[in-house]
Amino acid sequence: MSESVSEDSTQPSTDVEASVASYLRHVELELGRSVHTVRAYGADIRALLTFGARRGKTRLEDVELADLRAWLAEMHETGRSPATMARRAASIRSFFAWARRTDVIAEDPAARLQAPRHGRSLPAVLQKQQVGRLLDEPRGARVDDGTDDDDVIELRNAAMLELLYATGLRVGELVGLGLGDIDFGRRTVRVRGKGDKERIVPFGAPAAAALERWLEQGRPGLIAAARARERTVDAEAAFLGQRGRRIDPRQVREVVSRRLKELGDTSASGPHALRHTAATHLLDGGADLRAVQELLGHSSLATTQLYTHVSIEKLRENYQQAHPRA
C-alpha cells in the first residue's frame, strides 16, 4: 500500500497518520492493551515518523533500516537511557511488523533492528520492620484531595496500602477493583490485569480488616457527602476519590509516595515498591516461584525471577555481615 506525500515535507503524510491510528486501534481492541500502553506506543511511533520526515521519508515505504538506526543513534547522543531506547525500538518493531502483515508496506525495515541491551536494576524493597511502620504506625501528613473528613480519607488510604502490600497489585488493578471483586469469605480479590486477563489473588487478615473499616465506616460517608453536593457517584468502584468517582491512579501514587517518604530511611518510592516488596517477602518466606508469578500476573516467569535476585542479594549481605570467614 502506498501513501501520498504530505504537503509539509517535515511531517508524516496524512495516510501514514491513518495507518498509525489503525495500528493503535488494533493494539487497544485486539491486543487488549491499556490506554497508557496505547498512548506510549503512539508517542514512540510518531517520534520516529517525525524524525523520518525530517530526512525526507514521509511515506512508510520510504523508511529504511538505516533511518531506524540513525533514530536510535540520535537518541543515544541526546542522552536517552538504554531502557528508553529498547522500549521505543520494541514499539517500532511491533508497528512495522503489523504494517507488513496487513500489506501496508511490502518490506519490514525493522525486522533486523536491534536496540542497546540494558541490564535490569534490582528494585528497591522495604524491610519487614519498615512495612510494619508503614502500615501500623499513626499516619502523618496526608495528601489533600479536597475533603474535610480526614478520618474517611485515612480509612481509604490505609485500606489501599494494606491491599497493595498484601496482594502485589499494580495501581491500575487496584483502581479497577469493584465491590463485587472482593470476596471476604475467601479473602480474595478478582483482578483484571494486563491484556484484560483475570486472576484471583488472596489477601490476609490485616488487609481484610482495613478493607472492612473502609467499606463500612469510610466509604458510605464519602458517598453521602458527594451526593449532598449533587455529584454523580460511582456506586460500584471499591475505592473512591473525594467527588465520589472511582479514585484516580495519580491519587494512589501520591498517597503511597507520601507515606514512603515519611518513613525517612528507604529509597523505595511509589506503589510499585509495595509490589516489589510483596513479591520479595513471599519468596523470602519460601513461596513457590510459579505461585508468585500467578499472584503478580506476570506472563513470563523470567520477570518473576528478578525477585529471586533481590532475595539472593539480601542473603549475600547477611552472609557478609554474619559469617566469620566471609
C-alpha atoms as a PDB file:
ATOM      1  CA  MET A   1       0.000   0.000   0.000  1.00  0.00           C
ATOM      2  CA  SER A   2       1.428   3.376  -0.985  1.00  0.00           C
ATOM      3  CA  GLU A   3       0.934   6.614   0.905  1.00  0.00           C
ATOM      4  CA  SER A   4       0.775  10.006  -0.737  1.00  0.00           C
ATOM      5  CA  VAL A   5       3.406  12.642   0.037  1.00  0.00           C
ATOM      6  CA  SER A   6       2.348  15.266   2.566  1.00  0.00           C
ATOM      7  CA  GLU A   7       2.304  18.904   1.546  1.00  0.00           C
ATOM      8  CA  ASP A   8       4.511  19.600   4.594  1.00  0.00           C
ATOM      9  CA  SER A   9       7.675  17.629   3.884  1.00  0.00           C
ATOM     10  CA  THR A  10       8.742  17.824   7.515  1.00  0.00           C
ATOM     11  CA  GLN A  11       5.699  15.910   8.771  1.00  0.00           C
ATOM     12  CA  PRO A  12       4.413  12.378   8.130  1.00  0.00           C
ATOM     13  CA  SER A  13       1.695  12.185   5.489  1.00  0.00           C
ATOM     14  CA  THR A  14      -1.973  12.015   6.432  1.00  0.00           C
ATOM     15  CA  ASP A  15      -2.104   8.431   5.109  1.00  0.00           C
ATOM     16  CA  VAL A  16       0.736   7.493   7.444  1.00  0.00           C
ATOM     17  CA  GLU A  17      -1.183   9.017  10.339  1.00  0.00           C
ATOM     18  CA  ALA A  18      -4.209   6.946   9.312  1.00  0.00           C
ATOM     19  CA  SER A  19      -2.052   3.807   9.384  1.00  0.00           C
ATOM     20  CA  VAL A  20      -0.786   4.694  12.851  1.00  0.00           C
ATOM     21  CA  ALA A  21      -4.331   5.267  14.081  1.00  0.00           C
ATOM     22  CA  SER A  22      -5.396   1.897  12.643  1.00  0.00           C
ATOM     23  CA  TYR A  23      -2.475   0.162  14.350  1.00  0.00           C
ATOM     24  CA  LEU A  24      -3.272   1.760  17.715  1.00  0.00           C
ATOM     25  CA  ARG A  25      -6.890   0.584  17.428  1.00  0.00           C
ATOM     26  CA  HIS A  26      -5.508  -2.904  16.818  1.00  0.00           C
ATOM     27  CA  VAL A  27      -3.319  -2.636  19.933  1.00  0.00           C
ATOM     28  CA  GLU A  28      -6.196  -1.450  22.100  1.00  0.00           C
ATOM     29  CA  LEU A  29      -9.098  -3.524  20.809  1.00  0.00           C
ATOM     30  CA  GLU A  30      -7.487  -6.721  19.552  1.00  0.00           C
ATOM     31  CA  LEU A  31      -4.471  -6.998  21.825  1.00  0.00           C
ATOM     32  CA  GLY A  32      -6.318  -5.547  24.806  1.00  0.00           C
ATOM     33  CA  ARG A  33      -3.556  -3.181  25.892  1.00  0.00           C
ATOM     34  CA  SER A  34      -4.232  -0.402  28.394  1.00  0.00           C
ATOM     35  CA  VAL A  35      -4.858   3.220  27.454  1.00  0.00           C
ATOM     36  CA  HIS A  36      -1.458   4.082  28.936  1.00  0.00           C
ATOM     37  CA  THR A  37       0.290   1.474  26.756  1.00  0.00           C
ATOM     38  CA  VAL A  38      -1.539   2.606  23.617  1.00  0.00           C
ATOM     39  CA  ARG A  39      -0.555   6.202  24.320  1.00  0.00           C
ATOM     40  CA  ALA A  40       3.096   5.202  24.803  1.00  0.00           C
ATOM     41  CA  TYR A  41       3.125   3.194  21.554  1.00  0.00           C
ATOM     42  CA  GLY A  42       1.644   6.128  19.684  1.00  0.00           C
ATOM     43  CA  ALA A  43       4.211   8.567  21.089  1.00  0.00           C
ATOM     44  CA  ASP A  44       7.110   6.262  20.174  1.00  0.00           C
ATOM     45  CA  ILE A  45       5.884   5.697  16.617  1.00  0.00           C
ATOM     46  CA  ARG A  46       5.156   9.368  15.954  1.00  0.00           C
ATOM     47  CA  ALA A  47       8.588  10.340  17.288  1.00  0.00           C
ATOM     48  CA  LEU A  48      10.186   8.025  14.728  1.00  0.00           C
ATOM     49  CA  LEU A  49       7.930   9.229  11.901  1.00  0.00           C
ATOM     50  CA  THR A  50       8.687  12.879  12.671  1.00  0.00           C
ATOM     51  CA  PHE A  51      12.405  12.055  12.608  1.00  0.00           C
ATOM     52  CA  GLY A  52      11.971  10.244   9.291  1.00  0.00           C
ATOM     53  CA  ALA A  53      10.031  13.142   7.784  1.00  0.00           C
ATOM     54  CA  ARG A  54      12.909  15.465   8.606  1.00  0.00           C
ATOM     55  CA  ARG A  55      15.057  13.151   6.489  1.00  0.00           C
ATOM     56  CA  GLY A  56      12.546  13.327   3.632  1.00  0.00           C
ATOM     57  CA  LYS A  57      10.863   9.993   4.441  1.00  0.00           C
ATOM     58  CA  THR A  58       7.196  10.963   4.540  1.00  0.00           C
ATOM     59  CA  ARG A  59       5.847   7.545   3.480  1.00  0.00           C
ATOM     60  CA  LEU A  60       6.121   4.331   5.455  1.00  0.00           C
ATOM     61  CA  GLU A  61       7.510   2.511   2.427  1.00  0.00           C
ATOM     62  CA  ASP A  62      10.375   5.026   2.283  1.00  0.00           C
ATOM     63  CA  VAL A  63      11.649   4.206   5.779  1.00  0.00           C
ATOM     64  CA  GLU A  64      14.764   2.025   5.773  1.00  0.00           C
ATOM     65  CA  LEU A  65      16.761   0.201   8.411  1.00  0.00           C
ATOM     66  CA  ALA A  66      19.405   2.944   8.177  1.00  0.00           C
ATOM     67  CA  ASP A  67      16.782   5.530   9.176  1.00  0.00           C
ATOM     68  CA  LEU A  68      15.792   3.492  12.221  1.00  0.00           C
ATOM     69  CA  ARG A  69      19.406   3.087  13.271  1.00  0.00           C
ATOM     70  CA  ALA A  70      20.006   6.827  12.806  1.00  0.00           C
ATOM     71  CA  TRP A  71      16.976   7.494  15.017  1.00  0.00           C
ATOM     72  CA  LEU A  72      18.404   5.306  17.790  1.00  0.00           C
ATOM     73  CA  ALA A  73      21.797   6.971  17.369  1.00  0.00           C
ATOM     74  CA  GLU A  74      20.223  10.402  17.798  1.00  0.00           C
ATOM     75  CA  MET A  75      18.506   9.250  20.985  1.00  0.00           C
ATOM     76  CA  HIS A  76      21.824   7.953  22.296  1.00  0.00           C
ATOM     77  CA  GLU A  77      23.539  11.260  21.521  1.00  0.00           C
ATOM     78  CA  THR A  78      20.841  13.206  23.352  1.00  0.00           C
ATOM     79  CA  GLY A  79      21.271  11.093  26.484  1.00  0.00           C
ATOM     80  CA  ARG A  80      18.319   8.726  26.285  1.00  0.00           C
ATOM     81  CA  SER A  81      18.742   5.705  28.548  1.00  0.00           C
ATOM     82  CA  PRO A  82      19.217   2.212  27.079  1.00  0.00           C
ATOM     83  CA  ALA A  83      15.908   1.219  28.676  1.00  0.00           C
ATOM     84  CA  THR A  84      14.056   4.015  26.848  1.00  0.00           C
ATOM     85  CA  MET A  85      15.752   3.164  23.559  1.00  0.00           C
ATOM     86  CA  ALA A  86      14.914  -0.522  23.965  1.00  0.00           C
ATOM     87  CA  ARG A  87      11.260   0.270  24.668  1.00  0.00           C
ATOM     88  CA  ARG A  88      10.975   2.577  21.657  1.00  0.00           C
ATOM     89  CA  ALA A  89      12.675   0.046  19.397  1.00  0.00           C
ATOM     90  CA  ALA A  90      10.181  -2.595  20.556  1.00  0.00           C
ATOM     91  CA  SER A  91       7.292  -0.257  19.728  1.00  0.00           C
ATOM     92  CA  ILE A  92       8.679   0.363  16.260  1.00  0.00           C
ATOM     93  CA  ARG A  93       9.308  -3.326  15.543  1.00  0.00           C
ATOM     94  CA  SER A  94       5.735  -4.143  16.550  1.00  0.00           C
ATOM     95  CA  PHE A  95       4.307  -1.355  14.363  1.00  0.00           C
ATOM     96  CA  PHE A  96       6.249  -2.247  11.223  1.00  0.00           C
ATOM     97  CA  ALA A  97       5.572  -5.977  11.695  1.00  0.00           C
ATOM     98  CA  TRP A  98       1.853  -5.144  11.786  1.00  0.00           C
ATOM     99  CA  ALA A  99       2.228  -2.882   8.723  1.00  0.00           C
ATOM    100  CA  ARG A 100       3.886  -5.700   6.768  1.00  0.00           C
ATOM    101  CA  ARG A 101       1.373  -8.290   7.956  1.00  0.00           C
ATOM    102  CA  THR A 102      -1.545  -6.107   6.829  1.00  0.00           C
ATOM    103  CA  ASP A 103       0.122  -5.195   3.490  1.00  0.00           C
ATOM    104  CA  VAL A 104       0.529  -1.533   4.391  1.00  0.00           C
ATOM    105  CA  ILE A 105       4.182  -1.963   3.331  1.00  0.00           C
ATOM    106  CA  ALA A 106       5.924  -4.578   1.190  1.00  0.00           C
ATOM    107  CA  GLU A 107       9.083  -4.913   3.332  1.00  0.00           C
ATOM    108  CA  ASP A 108       9.624  -4.602   7.073  1.00  0.00           C
ATOM    109  CA  PRO A 109      12.602  -2.273   7.703  1.00  0.00           C
ATOM    110  CA  ALA A 110      12.553  -3.000  11.454  1.00  0.00           C
ATOM    111  CA  ALA A 111      12.894  -6.784  11.187  1.00  0.00           C
ATOM    112  CA  ARG A 112      16.658  -6.549  11.849  1.00  0.00           C
ATOM    113  CA  LEU A 113      16.557  -3.550  14.178  1.00  0.00           C
ATOM    114  CA  GLN A 114      18.399  -4.083  17.445  1.00  0.00           C
ATOM    115  CA  ALA A 115      18.373  -1.746  20.424  1.00  0.00           C
ATOM    116  CA  PRO A 116      21.112  -1.468  23.051  1.00  0.00           C
ATOM    117  CA  ARG A 117      20.916  -4.126  25.719  1.00  0.00           C
ATOM    118  CA  HIS A 118      20.191  -2.844  29.173  1.00  0.00           C
ATOM    119  CA  GLY A 119      20.551  -4.560  32.485  1.00  0.00           C
ATOM    120  CA  ARG A 120      17.602  -4.652  34.814  1.00  0.00           C
ATOM    121  CA  SER A 121      18.331  -2.935  38.109  1.00  0.00           C
ATOM    122  CA  LEU A 122      17.222  -4.600  41.306  1.00  0.00           C
ATOM    123  CA  PRO A 123      14.038  -2.964  42.612  1.00  0.00           C
ATOM    124  CA  ALA A 124      14.117  -1.179  45.956  1.00  0.00           C
ATOM    125  CA  VAL A 125      12.187  -3.111  48.593  1.00  0.00           C
ATOM    126  CA  LEU A 126      11.144  -2.438  52.162  1.00  0.00           C
ATOM    127  CA  GLN A 127      12.375  -4.418  55.128  1.00  0.00           C
ATOM    128  CA  LYS A 128       9.668  -6.117  57.189  1.00  0.00           C
ATOM    129  CA  GLN A 129      10.026  -3.644  60.047  1.00  0.00           C
ATOM    130  CA  GLN A 130       9.609  -0.792  57.567  1.00  0.00           C
ATOM    131  CA  VAL A 131       6.405  -2.376  56.279  1.00  0.00           C
ATOM    132  CA  GLY A 132       5.206  -2.580  59.871  1.00  0.00           C
ATOM    133  CA  ARG A 133       5.848   1.122  60.363  1.00  0.00           C
ATOM    134  CA  LEU A 134       4.211   1.970  57.037  1.00  0.00           C
ATOM    135  CA  LEU A 135       1.017   0.090  57.812  1.00  0.00           C
ATOM    136  CA  ASP A 136       0.698   0.145  61.604  1.00  0.00           C
ATOM    137  CA  GLU A 137       2.025   3.466  62.899  1.00  0.00           C
ATOM    138  CA  PRO A 138      -0.183   6.585  63.153  1.00  0.00           C
ATOM    139  CA  ARG A 139      -0.264   8.465  59.878  1.00  0.00           C
ATOM    140  CA  GLY A 140       1.489  11.744  59.257  1.00  0.00           C
ATOM    141  CA  ALA A 141       0.655  14.308  56.610  1.00  0.00           C
ATOM    142  CA  ARG A 142      -1.916  13.114  54.138  1.00  0.00           C
ATOM    143  CA  VAL A 143      -2.484  14.030  50.515  1.00  0.00           C
ATOM    144  CA  ASP A 144      -5.082  16.796  50.446  1.00  0.00           C
ATOM    145  CA  ASP A 145      -7.703  15.696  47.941  1.00  0.00           C
ATOM    146  CA  GLY A 146     -10.320  18.302  48.728  1.00  0.00           C
ATOM    147  CA  THR A 147     -12.357  16.750  51.538  1.00  0.00           C
ATOM    148  CA  ASP A 148     -12.506  17.915  55.147  1.00  0.00           C
ATOM    149  CA  ASP A 149     -13.092  14.435  56.516  1.00  0.00           C
ATOM    150  CA  ASP A 150      -9.570  13.311  57.384  1.00  0.00           C
ATOM    151  CA  ASP A 151     -10.785  10.124  59.057  1.00  0.00           C
ATOM    152  CA  VAL A 152     -12.641   8.938  55.966  1.00  0.00           C
ATOM    153  CA  ILE A 153      -9.654   9.553  53.705  1.00  0.00           C
ATOM    154  CA  GLU A 154      -7.327   7.872  56.182  1.00  0.00           C
ATOM    155  CA  LEU A 155      -9.519   4.757  56.256  1.00  0.00           C
ATOM    156  CA  ARG A 156      -9.370   4.631  52.467  1.00  0.00           C
ATOM    157  CA  ASN A 157      -5.614   5.198  52.319  1.00  0.00           C
ATOM    158  CA  ALA A 158      -4.952   2.545  54.965  1.00  0.00           C
ATOM    159  CA  ALA A 159      -7.053   0.014  53.046  1.00  0.00           C
ATOM    160  CA  MET A 160      -5.228   0.778  49.795  1.00  0.00           C
ATOM    161  CA  LEU A 161      -1.795   0.427  51.408  1.00  0.00           C
ATOM    162  CA  GLU A 162      -2.698  -2.834  53.115  1.00  0.00           C
ATOM    163  CA  LEU A 163      -4.150  -4.296  49.933  1.00  0.00           C
ATOM    164  CA  LEU A 164      -1.231  -3.237  47.748  1.00  0.00           C
ATOM    165  CA  TYR A 165       1.253  -4.963  50.053  1.00  0.00           C
ATOM    166  CA  ALA A 166      -0.981  -7.981  50.689  1.00  0.00           C
ATOM    167  CA  THR A 167      -1.598  -8.715  47.021  1.00  0.00           C
ATOM    168  CA  GLY A 168       1.170  -7.073  44.977  1.00  0.00           C
ATOM    169  CA  LEU A 169      -1.432  -5.428  42.746  1.00  0.00           C
ATOM    170  CA  ARG A 170      -0.494  -2.836  40.144  1.00  0.00           C
ATOM    171  CA  VAL A 171      -2.014   0.613  40.647  1.00  0.00           C
ATOM    172  CA  GLY A 172      -4.307   0.202  37.645  1.00  0.00           C
ATOM    173  CA  GLU A 173      -5.539  -3.113  39.023  1.00  0.00           C
ATOM    174  CA  LEU A 174      -6.285  -1.594  42.429  1.00  0.00           C
ATOM    175  CA  VAL A 175      -8.124   1.347  40.874  1.00  0.00           C
ATOM    176  CA  GLY A 176     -10.141  -1.017  38.689  1.00  0.00           C
ATOM    177  CA  LEU A 177     -11.497  -3.078  41.584  1.00  0.00           C
ATOM    178  CA  GLY A 178     -15.256  -3.153  42.041  1.00  0.00           C
ATOM    179  CA  LEU A 179     -17.180  -4.088  45.156  1.00  0.00           C
ATOM    180  CA  GLY A 180     -18.137  -7.375  43.527  1.00  0.00           C
ATOM    181  CA  ASP A 181     -14.475  -8.265  43.034  1.00  0.00           C
ATOM    182  CA  ILE A 182     -13.849  -8.548  46.788  1.00  0.00           C
ATOM    183  CA  ASP A 183     -14.697 -11.867  48.450  1.00  0.00           C
ATOM    184  CA  PHE A 184     -14.328 -11.549  52.209  1.00  0.00           C
ATOM    185  CA  GLY A 185     -15.380 -15.153  52.778  1.00  0.00           C
ATOM    186  CA  ARG A 186     -12.423 -16.479  50.837  1.00  0.00           C
ATOM    187  CA  ARG A 187     -10.278 -13.375  51.365  1.00  0.00           C
ATOM    188  CA  THR A 188      -9.617 -12.957  47.657  1.00  0.00           C
ATOM    189  CA  VAL A 189      -9.919 -10.236  45.046  1.00  0.00           C
ATOM    190  CA  ARG A 190     -10.736 -10.793  41.381  1.00  0.00           C
ATOM    191  CA  VAL A 191      -8.252  -8.760  39.361  1.00  0.00           C
ATOM    192  CA  ARG A 192      -8.212  -7.755  35.704  1.00  0.00           C
ATOM    193  CA  GLY A 193      -4.603  -7.365  34.707  1.00  0.00           C
ATOM    194  CA  LYS A 194      -2.657  -6.649  31.550  1.00  0.00           C
ATOM    195  CA  GLY A 195      -4.336  -7.862  28.392  1.00  0.00           C
ATOM    196  CA  ASP A 196      -7.628  -7.961  30.351  1.00  0.00           C
ATOM    197  CA  LYS A 197      -6.523 -11.272  31.880  1.00  0.00           C
ATOM    198  CA  GLU A 198      -8.391 -12.173  35.036  1.00  0.00           C
ATOM    199  CA  ARG A 199      -6.829 -13.748  38.122  1.00  0.00           C
ATOM    200  CA  ILE A 200      -7.786 -14.406  41.734  1.00  0.00           C
ATOM    201  CA  VAL A 201      -5.418 -13.071  44.393  1.00  0.00           C
ATOM    202  CA  PRO A 202      -5.621 -13.845  48.136  1.00  0.00           C
ATOM    203  CA  PHE A 203      -5.147 -11.323  50.940  1.00  0.00           C
ATOM    204  CA  GLY A 204      -4.616 -11.680  54.681  1.00  0.00           C
ATOM    205  CA  ALA A 205      -6.422 -10.702  57.872  1.00  0.00           C
ATOM    206  CA  PRO A 206      -4.892  -7.203  58.251  1.00  0.00           C
ATOM    207  CA  ALA A 207      -5.925  -6.241  54.732  1.00  0.00           C
ATOM    208  CA  ALA A 208      -9.392  -7.714  55.316  1.00  0.00           C
ATOM    209  CA  ALA A 209      -9.816  -5.649  58.480  1.00  0.00           C
ATOM    210  CA  ALA A 210      -8.645  -2.443  56.772  1.00  0.00           C
ATOM    211  CA  LEU A 211     -10.973  -3.063  53.817  1.00  0.00           C
ATOM    212  CA  GLU A 212     -13.942  -3.699  56.100  1.00  0.00           C
ATOM    213  CA  ARG A 213     -13.291  -0.486  58.029  1.00  0.00           C
ATOM    214  CA  TRP A 214     -13.135   1.499  54.787  1.00  0.00           C
ATOM    215  CA  LEU A 215     -16.210  -0.088  53.230  1.00  0.00           C
ATOM    216  CA  GLU A 216     -18.351   0.056  56.386  1.00  0.00           C
ATOM    217  CA  GLN A 217     -17.166   3.238  58.106  1.00  0.00           C
ATOM    218  CA  GLY A 218     -15.473   5.356  55.453  1.00  0.00           C
ATOM    219  CA  ARG A 219     -16.936   4.804  52.014  1.00  0.00           C
ATOM    220  CA  PRO A 220     -20.621   5.434  52.943  1.00  0.00           C
ATOM    221  CA  GLY A 221     -19.761   8.820  54.451  1.00  0.00           C
ATOM    222  CA  LEU A 222     -17.784   9.854  51.399  1.00  0.00           C
ATOM    223  CA  ILE A 223     -20.665   8.829  49.129  1.00  0.00           C
ATOM    224  CA  ALA A 224     -23.192  10.717  51.265  1.00  0.00           C
ATOM    225  CA  ALA A 225     -21.049  13.859  51.135  1.00  0.00           C
ATOM    226  CA  ALA A 226     -20.702  13.591  47.348  1.00  0.00           C
ATOM    227  CA  ARG A 227     -24.458  13.118  46.867  1.00  0.00           C
ATOM    228  CA  ALA A 228     -25.163  16.053  49.160  1.00  0.00           C
ATOM    229  CA  ARG A 229     -23.172  18.146  46.688  1.00  0.00           C
ATOM    230  CA  GLU A 230     -25.267  16.616  43.867  1.00  0.00           C
ATOM    231  CA  ARG A 231     -22.311  14.818  42.358  1.00  0.00           C
ATOM    232  CA  THR A 232     -22.560  11.587  40.391  1.00  0.00           C
ATOM    233  CA  VAL A 233     -21.266   8.667  42.482  1.00  0.00           C
ATOM    234  CA  ASP A 234     -19.565   5.542  41.152  1.00  0.00           C
ATOM    235  CA  ALA A 235     -21.539   3.056  43.230  1.00  0.00           C
ATOM    236  CA  GLU A 236     -19.567   0.003  42.049  1.00  0.00           C
ATOM    237  CA  ALA A 237     -15.971   1.197  42.490  1.00  0.00           C
ATOM    238  CA  ALA A 238     -14.205  -0.134  45.574  1.00  0.00           C
ATOM    239  CA  PHE A 239     -12.010   2.959  46.076  1.00  0.00           C
ATOM    240  CA  LEU A 240     -13.350   6.463  45.566  1.00  0.00           C
ATOM    241  CA  GLY A 241     -11.961   9.972  45.309  1.00  0.00           C
ATOM    242  CA  GLN A 242     -13.466  12.919  47.190  1.00  0.00           C
ATOM    243  CA  ARG A 243     -16.006  13.571  44.436  1.00  0.00           C
ATOM    244  CA  GLY A 244     -17.462  10.098  44.733  1.00  0.00           C
ATOM    245  CA  ARG A 245     -15.975   8.811  41.493  1.00  0.00           C
ATOM    246  CA  ARG A 246     -13.510   5.971  41.078  1.00  0.00           C
ATOM    247  CA  ILE A 247     -10.158   7.087  42.516  1.00  0.00           C
ATOM    248  CA  ASP A 248      -7.564   8.317  40.034  1.00  0.00           C
ATOM    249  CA  PRO A 249      -4.273   6.371  39.729  1.00  0.00           C
ATOM    250  CA  ARG A 250      -2.385   9.620  40.309  1.00  0.00           C
ATOM    251  CA  GLN A 251      -4.005   9.964  43.727  1.00  0.00           C
ATOM    252  CA  VAL A 252      -2.961   6.440  44.681  1.00  0.00           C
ATOM    253  CA  ARG A 253       0.630   7.156  43.664  1.00  0.00           C
ATOM    254  CA  GLU A 254       0.627  10.368  45.704  1.00  0.00           C
ATOM    255  CA  VAL A 255      -0.692   8.605  48.791  1.00  0.00           C
ATOM    256  CA  VAL A 256       1.882   5.817  48.617  1.00  0.00           C
ATOM    257  CA  SER A 257       4.785   8.101  47.728  1.00  0.00           C
ATOM    258  CA  ARG A 258       3.984  10.411  50.636  1.00  0.00           C
ATOM    259  CA  ARG A 259       3.808   7.548  53.133  1.00  0.00           C
ATOM    260  CA  LEU A 260       7.074   6.013  51.905  1.00  0.00           C
ATOM    261  CA  LYS A 261       8.799   9.381  52.114  1.00  0.00           C
ATOM    262  CA  GLU A 262       7.597   9.735  55.706  1.00  0.00           C
ATOM    263  CA  LEU A 263       9.495   6.564  56.627  1.00  0.00           C
ATOM    264  CA  GLY A 264      12.696   8.510  56.062  1.00  0.00           C
ATOM    265  CA  ASP A 265      15.002   5.502  55.733  1.00  0.00           C
ATOM    266  CA  THR A 266      14.247   3.905  52.373  1.00  0.00           C
ATOM    267  CA  SER A 267      14.891   4.638  48.707  1.00  0.00           C
ATOM    268  CA  ALA A 268      11.701   2.776  47.770  1.00  0.00           C
ATOM    269  CA  SER A 269       9.142   5.047  46.147  1.00  0.00           C
ATOM    270  CA  GLY A 270       5.711   4.691  44.603  1.00  0.00           C
ATOM    271  CA  PRO A 271       3.159   1.875  44.616  1.00  0.00           C
ATOM    272  CA  HIS A 272       5.362  -0.463  42.585  1.00  0.00           C
ATOM    273  CA  ALA A 273       7.724  -0.587  45.565  1.00  0.00           C
ATOM    274  CA  LEU A 274       4.966  -2.359  47.508  1.00  0.00           C
ATOM    275  CA  ARG A 275       4.544  -4.821  44.627  1.00  0.00           C
ATOM    276  CA  HIS A 276       8.302  -5.479  44.623  1.00  0.00           C
ATOM    277  CA  THR A 277       8.268  -5.837  48.390  1.00  0.00           C
ATOM    278  CA  ALA A 278       5.343  -8.257  48.459  1.00  0.00           C
ATOM    279  CA  ALA A 279       6.999 -10.498  45.858  1.00  0.00           C
ATOM    280  CA  THR A 280      10.371 -10.455  47.606  1.00  0.00           C
ATOM    281  CA  HIS A 281       8.885 -11.217  51.035  1.00  0.00           C
ATOM    282  CA  LEU A 282       6.875 -14.105  49.590  1.00  0.00           C
ATOM    283  CA  LEU A 283       9.988 -15.636  48.068  1.00  0.00           C
ATOM    284  CA  ASP A 284      11.982 -14.996  51.253  1.00  0.00           C
ATOM    285  CA  GLY A 285       9.279 -16.889  53.116  1.00  0.00           C
ATOM    286  CA  GLY A 286       9.553 -19.903  50.832  1.00  0.00           C
ATOM    287  CA  ALA A 287       6.750 -19.280  48.324  1.00  0.00           C
ATOM    288  CA  ASP A 288       6.982 -21.172  45.037  1.00  0.00           C
ATOM    289  CA  LEU A 289       8.230 -19.040  42.144  1.00  0.00           C
ATOM    290  CA  ARG A 290       5.356 -20.039  39.862  1.00  0.00           C
ATOM    291  CA  ALA A 291       2.828 -19.254  42.583  1.00  0.00           C
ATOM    292  CA  VAL A 292       4.294 -15.761  42.874  1.00  0.00           C
ATOM    293  CA  GLN A 293       4.165 -15.451  39.079  1.00  0.00           C
ATOM    294  CA  GLU A 294       0.447 -16.270  39.159  1.00  0.00           C
ATOM    295  CA  LEU A 295      -0.201 -13.897  42.049  1.00  0.00           C
ATOM    296  CA  LEU A 296       1.522 -10.978  40.312  1.00  0.00           C
ATOM    297  CA  GLY A 297       0.022 -11.726  36.901  1.00  0.00           C
ATOM    298  CA  HIS A 298       3.373 -11.984  35.111  1.00  0.00           C
ATOM    299  CA  SER A 299       3.088 -13.513  31.645  1.00  0.00           C
ATOM    300  CA  SER A 300       6.728 -14.633  31.790  1.00  0.00           C
ATOM    301  CA  LEU A 301       8.443 -16.497  34.613  1.00  0.00           C
ATOM    302  CA  ALA A 302      11.621 -14.592  33.743  1.00  0.00           C
ATOM    303  CA  THR A 303      10.016 -11.403  35.059  1.00  0.00           C
ATOM    304  CA  THR A 304       9.221 -13.047  38.374  1.00  0.00           C
ATOM    305  CA  GLN A 305      12.742 -14.425  38.628  1.00  0.00           C
ATOM    306  CA  LEU A 306      14.011 -10.873  39.041  1.00  0.00           C
ATOM    307  CA  TYR A 307      12.792 -11.052  42.637  1.00  0.00           C
ATOM    308  CA  THR A 308      14.896 -14.124  43.334  1.00  0.00           C
ATOM    309  CA  HIS A 309      17.935 -11.949  42.597  1.00  0.00           C
ATOM    310  CA  VAL A 310      16.703  -9.457  45.188  1.00  0.00           C
ATOM    311  CA  SER A 311      16.469 -12.249  47.747  1.00  0.00           C
ATOM    312  CA  ILE A 312      19.921 -13.548  46.835  1.00  0.00           C
ATOM    313  CA  GLU A 313      21.369 -10.068  47.276  1.00  0.00           C
ATOM    314  CA  LYS A 314      19.821  -9.873  50.733  1.00  0.00           C
ATOM    315  CA  LEU A 315      21.257 -13.303  51.607  1.00  0.00           C
ATOM    316  CA  ARG A 316      24.687 -12.204  50.394  1.00  0.00           C
ATOM    317  CA  GLU A 317      24.561  -9.061  52.558  1.00  0.00           C
ATOM    318  CA  ASN A 318      23.601 -11.094  55.615  1.00  0.00           C
ATOM    319  CA  TYR A 319      26.381 -13.567  54.892  1.00  0.00           C
ATOM    320  CA  GLN A 320      28.964 -10.814  54.593  1.00  0.00           C
ATOM    321  CA  GLN A 321      27.873  -9.338  57.906  1.00  0.00           C
ATOM    322  CA  ALA A 322      27.499 -12.553  59.895  1.00  0.00           C
ATOM    323  CA  HIS A 323      29.921 -15.213  58.630  1.00  0.00           C
ATOM    324  CA  PRO A 324      33.347 -15.110  60.307  1.00  0.00           C
ATOM    325  CA  ARG A 325      35.131 -16.078  57.095  1.00  0.00           C
ATOM    326  CA  ALA A 326      33.025 -14.108  54.642  1.00  0.00           C
END
